[in-house]
């Protein structure tokens, strides 16, 4: 074979190899582009699904807050009607009886004593309702004093013993934030007594990994928290929404006959 033919042959072979490499390169590039496109699409889809779950979760929390507020309004309205209005109505009727002519001294004293007694009860109930809305101790002396008063009130029943340890210093000017913490503890204690049948409760405030944390536990009957139905109760949603307001994290652990523990940061 002549040199020119050999040269043309090798040149054609080289062109074929180069063309093949180019086609392979184009195919690989196309495959990579398609791979990244579909991967990115899949990632975006997952992110959108995650966002949808977060939005739905936030909606659920907001719904639980609204329901809790409505339940609280109903309770306050019922208390005002039953404990205040009804007694004031009787006071009003008794006051009109004082205008009755020719009342005997004994009748006059009975009516007066009745008015005084009902007025006293109405004042006590109004203080209780106001205390439930915003404990005066919490507002005046801060969260630590508010929790101590709450523990004293609960402990008077002799049903449960509460161990309370606080290693934090609460800023008295953060009452709005502390009110949420106080309500969380109220809800947890209420759940421990009503549902958990607990006889011992532990409350610890400490700094863990530079984050202010509350660890709450009881020795109650517990429940299977892994069941979705146990995570959707109004009380639990109320706690979760308040922790969310505090920009904190909430973790819960509970098993049947092994008590209950809740840990939240703030």
Foldseek 3Di string as FASTA:
>chain_A
DDPVVVVVVVVVVVVVVVVVVVVVVVVVVVVVVVVVVVVVVVVVVVVVVVVVVVVVLVVLLVVLVVVVVVVLVVVLVVLCVPQAVVLVVLLVVLVVVCPDPPDDPVRNVVSVVSNVVSVVSNVVSVVVSVCVVPNPCCLPPNLVSVVVVVQVVVCVVVQADEAEEEPDDDDSVPSVLSVLVVVLVVLVVVCCVPPFSFRYKYWYWDQDPNFTKIKIWTQGQWDDCVDPVNCSDSSNSSNVSSLVVVVKDKDKDTDGSRTIMIMITD
